[in-house]
């Protein structure tokens, strides 16, 4: 027997709560009678988007309300817009993977890899996380995670080569140009 895949949907509705409850019951009934699916009561929540955030696919989603934010004409510019936010806990959990005692630390299990592989793995992990959350309005806060991961990377390489993080930064630090912006990165090259 084959079971249907679990799917995730987010439904937005502007109106009174009693109508929202009625819509939820109609959706539940439709799923049960027409599609033979069960609506998960514990995962199907009604959230007031101005006062609460709905967690959906790793994002916090809510309605933005900021009366002081105004455009060139002096009109409120973001009120009523939907905002996607990286949950604070997601960034902290990711950073925790590269910390010990609250400070960036080396990843001993990676020291058996080449310096190229170590740098590539860190870059891949950061890029994957950052790309997923690129739509969030607070994506600029990823800078803190980037710094934590850079120090963990430097400490991992320092541990591998019996050196110090500062010497690692001097050895591998480069400036890269991307879309007209300069970025300081840790980089190594493999001669072929």
N, C-alpha and C. Protein backbone atom coordinates (compact mmCIF):
# COMPACT_ATOMS: atom_id res chain seq x y z
N UNK A 1 0.84 -1.18 0.00
CA UNK A 1 0.00 0.00 0.00
C UNK A 1 0.89 1.24 0.00
N UNK A 2 0.53 2.22 -0.79
CA UNK A 2 1.31 3.45 -0.88
C UNK A 2 0.57 4.57 -0.15
N UNK A 3 1.29 5.28 0.71
CA UNK A 3 0.70 6.37 1.47
C UNK A 3 1.03 7.69 0.78
N UNK A 4 0.08 8.64 0.82
CA UNK A 4 0.37 9.95 0.22
C UNK A 4 1.46 10.67 1.00
N UNK A 5 2.26 11.42 0.28
CA UNK A 5 3.31 12.21 0.92
C UNK A 5 2.70 13.34 1.73
N UNK A 6 3.31 13.63 2.85
CA UNK A 6 2.85 14.76 3.66
C UNK A 6 3.17 16.05 2.91
N UNK A 7 2.24 16.94 2.84
CA UNK A 7 2.48 18.20 2.18
C UNK A 7 2.26 19.33 3.17
N UNK A 8 2.89 20.44 2.89
CA UNK A 8 2.79 21.61 3.76
C UNK A 8 2.16 22.75 2.97
N UNK A 9 1.20 23.37 3.54
CA UNK A 9 0.54 24.51 2.90
C UNK A 9 0.34 25.61 3.94
N UNK A 10 0.42 26.82 3.44
CA UNK A 10 0.16 27.98 4.28
C UNK A 10 -0.95 28.76 3.61
N UNK A 11 -2.00 29.02 4.33
CA UNK A 11 -3.15 29.72 3.79
C UNK A 11 -3.29 31.06 4.51
N UNK A 12 -3.35 32.12 3.74
CA UNK A 12 -3.54 33.45 4.31
C UNK A 12 -4.98 33.90 4.13
N UNK A 13 -5.52 34.51 5.15
CA UNK A 13 -6.90 34.99 5.09
C UNK A 13 -7.00 36.28 5.87
N UNK A 14 -7.66 37.25 5.28
CA UNK A 14 -7.88 38.52 5.96
C UNK A 14 -9.36 38.61 6.33
N UNK A 15 -9.62 38.52 7.61
CA UNK A 15 -11.00 38.57 8.07
C UNK A 15 -11.08 38.17 9.53
N UNK A 16 -12.30 38.09 10.06
CA UNK A 16 -12.47 37.76 11.48
C UNK A 16 -12.11 36.30 11.78
N UNK A 17 -11.76 36.06 13.03
CA UNK A 17 -11.31 34.73 13.44
C UNK A 17 -12.39 33.68 13.25
N UNK A 18 -13.65 34.01 13.51
CA UNK A 18 -14.70 32.98 13.39
C UNK A 18 -14.82 32.49 11.94
N UNK A 19 -14.55 33.37 10.97
CA UNK A 19 -14.56 32.94 9.57
C UNK A 19 -13.36 32.05 9.28
N UNK A 20 -12.23 32.35 9.89
CA UNK A 20 -11.04 31.53 9.72
C UNK A 20 -11.29 30.12 10.24
N UNK A 21 -11.93 30.01 11.39
CA UNK A 21 -12.25 28.70 11.97
C UNK A 21 -13.19 27.94 11.04
N UNK A 22 -14.15 28.64 10.46
CA UNK A 22 -15.10 28.01 9.53
C UNK A 22 -14.37 27.49 8.28
N UNK A 23 -13.43 28.28 7.76
CA UNK A 23 -12.65 27.86 6.59
C UNK A 23 -11.82 26.63 6.92
N UNK A 24 -11.22 26.62 8.11
CA UNK A 24 -10.41 25.48 8.52
C UNK A 24 -11.26 24.21 8.55
N UNK A 25 -12.48 24.30 9.07
CA UNK A 25 -13.37 23.13 9.13
C UNK A 25 -13.79 22.68 7.74
N UNK A 26 -14.01 23.64 6.83
CA UNK A 26 -14.37 23.28 5.45
C UNK A 26 -13.22 22.58 4.74
N UNK A 27 -12.00 23.06 4.95
CA UNK A 27 -10.82 22.43 4.36
C UNK A 27 -10.66 21.02 4.93
N UNK A 28 -10.82 20.89 6.23
CA UNK A 28 -10.72 19.58 6.89
C UNK A 28 -11.74 18.61 6.31
N UNK A 29 -12.96 19.06 6.14
CA UNK A 29 -14.03 18.22 5.58
C UNK A 29 -13.72 17.83 4.13
N UNK A 30 -13.27 18.79 3.33
CA UNK A 30 -12.94 18.51 1.93
C UNK A 30 -11.82 17.46 1.84
N UNK A 31 -10.78 17.65 2.64
CA UNK A 31 -9.65 16.70 2.61
C UNK A 31 -10.11 15.30 2.98
N UNK A 32 -10.99 15.21 3.99
CA UNK A 32 -11.44 13.89 4.46
C UNK A 32 -12.37 13.22 3.44
N UNK A 33 -13.34 13.96 2.91
CA UNK A 33 -14.34 13.34 2.03
C UNK A 33 -13.84 13.16 0.60
N UNK A 34 -13.17 14.16 0.06
CA UNK A 34 -12.77 14.12 -1.35
C UNK A 34 -11.42 13.45 -1.59
N UNK A 35 -10.48 13.68 -0.69
CA UNK A 35 -9.12 13.18 -0.90
C UNK A 35 -8.71 12.07 0.06
N UNK A 36 -9.57 11.77 1.02
CA UNK A 36 -9.29 10.73 2.03
C UNK A 36 -7.99 11.03 2.79
N UNK A 37 -7.81 12.29 3.11
CA UNK A 37 -6.65 12.73 3.87
C UNK A 37 -7.11 13.29 5.21
N UNK A 38 -6.20 13.23 6.18
CA UNK A 38 -6.52 13.73 7.52
C UNK A 38 -5.72 15.00 7.78
N UNK A 39 -6.40 16.00 8.27
CA UNK A 39 -5.76 17.27 8.64
C UNK A 39 -5.15 17.10 10.03
N UNK A 40 -3.88 17.39 10.18
CA UNK A 40 -3.22 17.29 11.48
C UNK A 40 -3.63 18.48 12.35
N UNK A 41 -4.35 18.19 13.42
CA UNK A 41 -4.82 19.26 14.31
C UNK A 41 -3.66 19.96 15.02
N UNK A 42 -2.63 19.19 15.40
CA UNK A 42 -1.51 19.80 16.12
C UNK A 42 -0.65 20.69 15.23
N UNK A 43 -0.66 20.45 13.91
CA UNK A 43 0.15 21.25 12.99
C UNK A 43 -0.67 22.31 12.26
N UNK A 44 -1.98 22.22 12.34
CA UNK A 44 -2.84 23.17 11.64
C UNK A 44 -3.25 24.25 12.64
N UNK A 45 -2.55 25.35 12.59
CA UNK A 45 -2.74 26.41 13.57
C UNK A 45 -3.36 27.64 12.91
N UNK A 46 -4.10 28.37 13.70
CA UNK A 46 -4.61 29.67 13.26
C UNK A 46 -3.77 30.71 14.00
N UNK A 47 -3.09 31.54 13.24
CA UNK A 47 -2.17 32.52 13.81
C UNK A 47 -2.56 33.92 13.36
N UNK A 48 -2.61 34.86 14.28
CA UNK A 48 -2.86 36.25 13.93
C UNK A 48 -1.52 36.84 13.49
N UNK A 49 -1.40 37.12 12.21
CA UNK A 49 -0.11 37.47 11.61
C UNK A 49 0.46 38.81 12.06
N UNK A 50 -0.35 39.68 12.65
CA UNK A 50 0.20 40.96 13.13
C UNK A 50 0.83 40.81 14.51
N UNK A 51 0.32 39.88 15.30
CA UNK A 51 0.81 39.75 16.67
C UNK A 51 1.63 38.49 16.91
N UNK A 52 1.58 37.52 15.98
CA UNK A 52 2.30 36.26 16.12
C UNK A 52 3.00 35.93 14.80
N UNK A 53 3.95 35.03 14.89
CA UNK A 53 4.63 34.56 13.68
C UNK A 53 4.25 33.11 13.44
N UNK A 54 4.00 32.79 12.18
CA UNK A 54 3.74 31.41 11.80
C UNK A 54 5.04 30.79 11.32
N UNK A 55 5.41 29.63 11.85
CA UNK A 55 6.62 28.94 11.41
C UNK A 55 6.24 28.06 10.22
N UNK A 56 6.88 28.31 9.08
CA UNK A 56 6.58 27.55 7.87
C UNK A 56 7.84 27.35 7.07
N UNK A 57 8.19 26.08 6.85
CA UNK A 57 9.38 25.70 6.09
C UNK A 57 10.64 26.40 6.60
N UNK A 58 10.75 26.52 7.92
CA UNK A 58 11.95 27.09 8.52
C UNK A 58 11.96 28.60 8.64
N UNK A 59 10.98 29.27 8.07
CA UNK A 59 10.87 30.73 8.17
C UNK A 59 9.81 31.10 9.21
N UNK A 60 9.96 32.27 9.82
CA UNK A 60 8.88 32.88 10.58
C UNK A 60 8.19 33.84 9.62
N UNK A 61 6.87 33.71 9.48
CA UNK A 61 6.12 34.53 8.55
C UNK A 61 5.12 35.37 9.35
N UNK A 62 5.08 36.66 9.05
CA UNK A 62 4.15 37.55 9.76
C UNK A 62 3.89 38.79 8.92
N UNK A 63 2.95 39.58 9.38
CA UNK A 63 2.62 40.83 8.71
C UNK A 63 3.47 41.94 9.32
N UNK A 64 4.14 42.69 8.46
CA UNK A 64 4.99 43.78 8.92
C UNK A 64 4.14 44.99 9.29
N UNK A 65 4.49 45.62 10.40
CA UNK A 65 3.78 46.80 10.87
C UNK A 65 4.81 47.74 11.46
N UNK A 66 5.04 48.84 10.78
CA UNK A 66 6.04 49.81 11.25
C UNK A 66 5.59 51.19 10.78
N UNK A 67 4.87 51.91 11.64
CA UNK A 67 4.33 53.22 11.26
C UNK A 67 5.41 54.26 10.98
N UNK A 68 6.60 54.08 11.52
CA UNK A 68 7.66 55.08 11.33
C UNK A 68 8.42 54.89 10.02
N UNK A 69 8.27 53.74 9.38
CA UNK A 69 8.95 53.46 8.10
C UNK A 69 8.14 54.10 6.98
N UNK A 70 8.72 55.12 6.33
CA UNK A 70 7.97 55.87 5.30
C UNK A 70 8.79 55.98 4.02
N UNK A 71 8.08 56.09 2.90
CA UNK A 71 8.75 56.24 1.60
C UNK A 71 9.02 57.72 1.32
N UNK A 72 9.47 58.02 0.08
CA UNK A 72 9.82 59.41 -0.27
C UNK A 72 8.62 60.35 -0.19
N UNK A 73 7.42 59.83 -0.37
CA UNK A 73 6.21 60.67 -0.32
C UNK A 73 5.70 60.85 1.10
N UNK A 74 6.33 60.19 2.07
CA UNK A 74 5.91 60.32 3.46
C UNK A 74 4.84 59.32 3.85
N UNK A 75 4.53 58.37 2.98
CA UNK A 75 3.51 57.37 3.28
C UNK A 75 4.15 56.14 3.93
N UNK A 76 3.38 55.52 4.81
CA UNK A 76 3.86 54.28 5.43
C UNK A 76 4.13 53.27 4.33
N UNK A 77 5.30 52.66 4.35
CA UNK A 77 5.71 51.86 3.20
C UNK A 77 5.64 50.35 3.39
N UNK A 78 5.66 49.85 4.61
CA UNK A 78 5.68 48.39 4.75
C UNK A 78 4.45 47.82 5.46
N UNK A 79 3.60 48.66 6.02
CA UNK A 79 2.45 48.13 6.75
C UNK A 79 1.62 47.21 5.88
N UNK A 80 1.31 46.06 6.42
CA UNK A 80 0.49 45.10 5.71
C UNK A 80 1.25 44.16 4.80
N UNK A 81 2.54 44.39 4.62
CA UNK A 81 3.36 43.49 3.79
C UNK A 81 3.67 42.22 4.57
N UNK A 82 3.84 41.13 3.86
CA UNK A 82 4.21 39.87 4.49
C UNK A 82 5.73 39.83 4.63
N UNK A 83 6.19 39.48 5.81
CA UNK A 83 7.62 39.41 6.08
C UNK A 83 8.08 37.99 6.33
N UNK A 84 9.17 37.61 5.71
CA UNK A 84 9.82 36.33 5.97
C UNK A 84 11.04 36.61 6.83
N UNK A 85 11.17 35.89 7.92
CA UNK A 85 12.24 36.15 8.88
C UNK A 85 12.95 34.85 9.22
N UNK A 86 14.28 34.92 9.35
CA UNK A 86 15.03 33.77 9.84
C UNK A 86 14.80 33.73 11.35
N UNK A 87 14.26 32.63 11.87
CA UNK A 87 14.09 32.55 13.32
C UNK A 87 15.43 32.64 14.04
N UNK A 88 15.47 33.40 15.12
CA UNK A 88 16.71 33.57 15.88
C UNK A 88 17.28 32.22 16.28
N UNK A 89 16.42 31.31 16.68
CA UNK A 89 16.87 29.99 17.10
C UNK A 89 17.58 29.22 16.01
N UNK A 90 17.16 29.41 14.75
CA UNK A 90 17.80 28.70 13.63
C UNK A 90 19.25 29.15 13.47
N UNK A 91 19.48 30.46 13.56
CA UNK A 91 20.85 30.96 13.43
C UNK A 91 21.71 30.52 14.61
N UNK A 92 21.13 30.56 15.81
CA UNK A 92 21.88 30.16 17.00
C UNK A 92 22.21 28.67 16.95
N UNK A 93 21.25 27.85 16.52
CA UNK A 93 21.50 26.41 16.41
C UNK A 93 22.60 26.11 15.40
N UNK A 94 22.58 26.81 14.27
CA UNK A 94 23.61 26.60 13.26
C UNK A 94 24.98 27.02 13.80
N UNK A 95 25.04 28.18 14.45
CA UNK A 95 26.31 28.68 15.00
C UNK A 95 26.83 27.74 16.09
N UNK A 96 25.92 27.13 16.85
CA UNK A 96 26.31 26.24 17.95
C UNK A 96 27.12 25.04 17.44
N UNK A 97 26.91 24.64 16.19
CA UNK A 97 27.65 23.52 15.61
C UNK A 97 29.14 23.82 15.49
N UNK A 98 29.50 25.11 15.51
CA UNK A 98 30.89 25.52 15.31
C UNK A 98 31.47 26.14 16.58
N UNK A 99 30.78 25.97 17.70
CA UNK A 99 31.22 26.57 18.96
C UNK A 99 31.38 25.53 20.05
N UNK A 100 32.19 25.91 21.02
CA UNK A 100 32.32 25.13 22.25
C UNK A 100 32.52 26.15 23.36
N UNK A 101 31.72 26.07 24.39
CA UNK A 101 31.81 27.05 25.48
C UNK A 101 31.46 28.45 25.02
N UNK A 102 30.61 28.55 24.00
CA UNK A 102 30.17 29.85 23.50
C UNK A 102 31.13 30.54 22.55
N UNK A 103 32.27 29.90 22.23
CA UNK A 103 33.26 30.51 21.33
C UNK A 103 33.52 29.57 20.15
N UNK A 104 33.85 30.16 18.98
CA UNK A 104 34.17 29.31 17.83
C UNK A 104 35.32 28.37 18.15
N UNK A 105 35.18 27.12 17.71
CA UNK A 105 36.20 26.12 17.99
C UNK A 105 36.53 25.32 16.73
N UNK A 106 37.61 24.57 16.80
CA UNK A 106 38.00 23.75 15.65
C UNK A 106 37.10 22.51 15.55
N UNK A 107 37.05 21.95 14.36
CA UNK A 107 36.30 20.71 14.12
C UNK A 107 37.35 19.63 13.85
N UNK A 108 37.72 18.92 14.90
CA UNK A 108 38.81 17.95 14.83
C UNK A 108 38.57 16.88 13.77
N UNK A 109 37.31 16.48 13.58
CA UNK A 109 37.00 15.42 12.61
C UNK A 109 37.33 15.82 11.17
N UNK A 110 37.53 17.12 10.94
CA UNK A 110 37.83 17.59 9.59
C UNK A 110 39.33 17.72 9.32
N UNK A 111 40.13 17.62 10.35
CA UNK A 111 41.56 17.87 10.18
C UNK A 111 42.26 16.82 9.33
N UNK A 112 41.64 15.69 9.09
CA UNK A 112 42.27 14.67 8.23
C UNK A 112 42.09 15.00 6.74
N UNK A 113 41.22 15.97 6.43
CA UNK A 113 41.00 16.38 5.04
C UNK A 113 42.07 17.37 4.59
N UNK A 114 42.16 17.58 3.29
CA UNK A 114 43.10 18.59 2.77
C UNK A 114 42.58 19.98 3.13
N UNK A 115 43.47 20.97 3.12
CA UNK A 115 43.03 22.34 3.43
C UNK A 115 41.97 22.79 2.42
N UNK A 116 42.12 22.40 1.17
CA UNK A 116 41.11 22.74 0.15
C UNK A 116 39.75 22.16 0.53
N UNK A 117 39.72 20.89 0.92
CA UNK A 117 38.45 20.24 1.28
C UNK A 117 37.82 20.85 2.53
N UNK A 118 38.66 21.21 3.49
CA UNK A 118 38.15 21.83 4.72
C UNK A 118 37.48 23.16 4.39
N UNK A 119 38.18 24.00 3.63
CA UNK A 119 37.62 25.31 3.25
C UNK A 119 36.36 25.12 2.41
N UNK A 120 36.39 24.20 1.46
CA UNK A 120 35.23 23.97 0.59
C UNK A 120 34.03 23.50 1.40
N UNK A 121 34.25 22.66 2.40
CA UNK A 121 33.14 22.15 3.21
C UNK A 121 32.49 23.28 4.02
N UNK A 122 33.32 24.11 4.66
CA UNK A 122 32.78 25.24 5.40
C UNK A 122 32.01 26.18 4.47
N UNK A 123 32.59 26.48 3.31
CA UNK A 123 31.92 27.39 2.38
C UNK A 123 30.59 26.81 1.92
N UNK A 124 30.58 25.52 1.63
CA UNK A 124 29.36 24.86 1.17
C UNK A 124 28.27 24.91 2.23
N UNK A 125 28.65 24.68 3.48
CA UNK A 125 27.67 24.70 4.57
C UNK A 125 27.10 26.10 4.77
N UNK A 126 27.97 27.12 4.74
CA UNK A 126 27.46 28.48 4.91
C UNK A 126 26.60 28.88 3.72
N UNK A 127 27.08 28.62 2.53
CA UNK A 127 26.35 29.00 1.32
C UNK A 127 24.97 28.33 1.29
N UNK A 128 24.89 27.06 1.64
CA UNK A 128 23.60 26.36 1.65
C UNK A 128 22.62 27.00 2.61
N UNK A 129 23.08 27.31 3.82
CA UNK A 129 22.22 27.94 4.83
C UNK A 129 21.80 29.33 4.37
N UNK A 130 22.78 30.12 3.90
CA UNK A 130 22.51 31.50 3.48
C UNK A 130 21.58 31.54 2.27
N UNK A 131 21.79 30.66 1.30
CA UNK A 131 20.93 30.65 0.11
C UNK A 131 19.49 30.30 0.48
N UNK A 132 19.32 29.36 1.41
CA UNK A 132 17.96 28.98 1.80
C UNK A 132 17.22 30.16 2.42
N UNK A 133 17.92 30.96 3.22
CA UNK A 133 17.28 32.06 3.93
C UNK A 133 17.46 33.42 3.25
N UNK A 134 17.83 33.43 2.00
CA UNK A 134 18.09 34.67 1.28
C UNK A 134 16.86 35.57 1.16
N UNK A 135 15.68 35.01 1.19
CA UNK A 135 14.45 35.80 1.06
C UNK A 135 14.07 36.53 2.34
N UNK A 136 14.70 36.19 3.44
CA UNK A 136 14.35 36.79 4.73
C UNK A 136 14.82 38.24 4.81
N UNK A 137 14.00 39.08 5.44
CA UNK A 137 14.38 40.49 5.56
C UNK A 137 15.50 40.71 6.57
N UNK A 138 15.77 39.69 7.40
CA UNK A 138 16.87 39.83 8.35
C UNK A 138 18.08 38.99 7.94
N UNK A 139 18.21 38.71 6.64
CA UNK A 139 19.35 37.92 6.14
C UNK A 139 20.69 38.59 6.43
N UNK A 140 20.68 39.92 6.61
CA UNK A 140 21.92 40.62 6.94
C UNK A 140 22.53 40.12 8.26
N UNK A 141 21.71 39.51 9.11
CA UNK A 141 22.21 39.00 10.39
C UNK A 141 23.05 37.73 10.23
N UNK A 142 23.08 37.18 9.03
CA UNK A 142 23.91 36.01 8.77
C UNK A 142 25.40 36.34 8.89
N UNK A 143 25.73 37.62 8.91
CA UNK A 143 27.12 38.03 9.05
C UNK A 143 27.73 37.46 10.33
N UNK A 144 26.97 37.43 11.39
CA UNK A 144 27.45 36.89 12.66
C UNK A 144 27.76 35.40 12.53
N UNK A 145 26.89 34.65 11.86
CA UNK A 145 27.14 33.23 11.62
C UNK A 145 28.39 33.05 10.76
N UNK A 146 28.53 33.89 9.75
CA UNK A 146 29.70 33.82 8.87
C UNK A 146 30.99 34.00 9.67
N UNK A 147 31.00 34.98 10.56
CA UNK A 147 32.19 35.22 11.39
C UNK A 147 32.50 34.01 12.28
N UNK A 148 31.47 33.44 12.88
CA UNK A 148 31.66 32.26 13.73
C UNK A 148 32.26 31.12 12.93
N UNK A 149 31.71 30.89 11.73
CA UNK A 149 32.20 29.80 10.89
C UNK A 149 33.62 30.07 10.39
N UNK A 150 33.94 31.33 10.09
CA UNK A 150 35.30 31.68 9.66
C UNK A 150 36.31 31.39 10.76
N UNK A 151 35.96 31.75 12.00
CA UNK A 151 36.89 31.50 13.11
C UNK A 151 37.01 30.00 13.37
N UNK A 152 35.92 29.27 13.25
CA UNK A 152 35.98 27.82 13.41
C UNK A 152 36.86 27.21 12.32
N UNK A 153 36.71 27.69 11.10
CA UNK A 153 37.54 27.23 9.98
C UNK A 153 39.02 27.51 10.25
N UNK A 154 39.32 28.74 10.67
CA UNK A 154 40.71 29.12 10.95
C UNK A 154 41.28 28.26 12.08
N UNK A 155 40.48 27.99 13.08
CA UNK A 155 40.95 27.15 14.20
C UNK A 155 41.12 25.69 13.77
N UNK A 156 40.28 25.23 12.85
CA UNK A 156 40.41 23.86 12.35
C UNK A 156 41.71 23.72 11.56
N UNK A 157 41.98 24.69 10.68
CA UNK A 157 43.23 24.65 9.92
C UNK A 157 44.44 24.83 10.84
N UNK A 158 44.31 25.69 11.84
CA UNK A 158 45.41 25.90 12.79
C UNK A 158 45.69 24.61 13.56
N UNK A 159 44.64 23.90 13.94
CA UNK A 159 44.81 22.63 14.64
C UNK A 159 45.50 21.61 13.74
N UNK A 160 45.10 21.58 12.48
CA UNK A 160 45.69 20.63 11.53
C UNK A 160 47.18 20.89 11.33
N UNK A 161 47.55 22.15 11.17
CA UNK A 161 48.94 22.50 10.85
C UNK A 161 49.75 22.96 12.07
N UNK A 162 49.21 22.73 13.28
CA UNK A 162 49.90 23.12 14.52
C UNK A 162 50.33 24.58 14.45
N UNK A 163 49.37 25.43 14.15
CA UNK A 163 49.63 26.86 13.97
C UNK A 163 48.64 27.65 14.83
N UNK A 164 48.48 28.93 14.50
CA UNK A 164 47.52 29.78 15.20
C UNK A 164 46.50 30.31 14.20
N UNK A 165 45.30 30.66 14.66
CA UNK A 165 44.30 31.22 13.74
C UNK A 165 44.79 32.47 13.02
N UNK A 166 45.53 33.33 13.71
CA UNK A 166 46.02 34.55 13.06
C UNK A 166 46.97 34.23 11.91
N UNK A 167 47.85 33.24 12.08
CA UNK A 167 48.74 32.84 10.99
C UNK A 167 47.95 32.23 9.84
N UNK A 168 46.89 31.51 10.17
CA UNK A 168 46.02 30.93 9.13
C UNK A 168 45.35 32.04 8.33
N UNK A 169 44.84 33.06 9.03
CA UNK A 169 44.21 34.18 8.32
C UNK A 169 45.22 34.86 7.39
N UNK A 170 46.45 35.04 7.86
CA UNK A 170 47.46 35.67 7.00
C UNK A 170 47.76 34.82 5.78
N UNK A 171 47.81 33.52 5.97
CA UNK A 171 48.18 32.61 4.88
C UNK A 171 47.06 32.47 3.84
N UNK A 172 45.81 32.41 4.27
CA UNK A 172 44.71 32.08 3.37
C UNK A 172 43.78 33.24 3.01
N UNK A 173 43.95 34.38 3.67
CA UNK A 173 43.01 35.48 3.43
C UNK A 173 43.25 36.13 2.07
N UNK A 174 42.16 36.33 1.33
CA UNK A 174 42.22 36.99 0.02
C UNK A 174 41.01 37.91 -0.11
N UNK A 175 41.08 38.81 -1.07
CA UNK A 175 39.93 39.67 -1.37
C UNK A 175 39.37 39.23 -2.71
N UNK A 176 38.07 39.01 -2.74
CA UNK A 176 37.39 38.59 -3.97
C UNK A 176 36.38 39.65 -4.38
N UNK A 177 36.26 39.85 -5.68
CA UNK A 177 35.27 40.77 -6.24
C UNK A 177 34.08 39.96 -6.74
N UNK A 178 32.90 40.31 -6.28
CA UNK A 178 31.67 39.68 -6.75
C UNK A 178 30.61 40.75 -6.91
N UNK A 179 30.08 40.88 -8.11
CA UNK A 179 29.04 41.88 -8.41
C UNK A 179 29.44 43.28 -7.95
N UNK A 180 30.69 43.64 -8.18
CA UNK A 180 31.17 44.97 -7.84
C UNK A 180 31.45 45.19 -6.37
N UNK A 181 31.34 44.14 -5.54
CA UNK A 181 31.61 44.25 -4.11
C UNK A 181 32.88 43.48 -3.77
N UNK A 182 33.66 44.00 -2.84
CA UNK A 182 34.87 43.31 -2.38
C UNK A 182 34.55 42.55 -1.10
N UNK A 183 35.01 41.31 -1.05
CA UNK A 183 34.79 40.46 0.11
C UNK A 183 36.12 39.85 0.53
N UNK A 184 36.36 39.81 1.84
CA UNK A 184 37.53 39.11 2.37
C UNK A 184 37.12 37.67 2.64
N UNK A 185 37.89 36.74 2.09
CA UNK A 185 37.57 35.33 2.21
C UNK A 185 38.83 34.54 2.55
N UNK A 186 38.64 33.31 3.00
CA UNK A 186 39.74 32.38 3.15
C UNK A 186 39.72 31.49 1.92
N UNK A 187 40.87 31.38 1.27
CA UNK A 187 40.91 30.66 0.00
C UNK A 187 42.23 29.92 -0.15
N UNK A 188 42.15 28.80 -0.82
CA UNK A 188 43.36 28.07 -1.21
C UNK A 188 43.17 27.56 -2.63
N UNK A 189 44.27 27.26 -3.26
CA UNK A 189 44.19 26.76 -4.64
C UNK A 189 44.87 25.40 -4.71
N UNK A 190 44.34 24.59 -5.59
CA UNK A 190 44.94 23.28 -5.84
C UNK A 190 45.62 23.36 -7.19
N UNK A 191 46.94 23.16 -7.19
CA UNK A 191 47.70 23.19 -8.43
C UNK A 191 47.44 21.91 -9.20
N UNK A 192 47.18 22.03 -10.50
CA UNK A 192 46.93 20.84 -11.33
C UNK A 192 47.98 20.73 -12.40
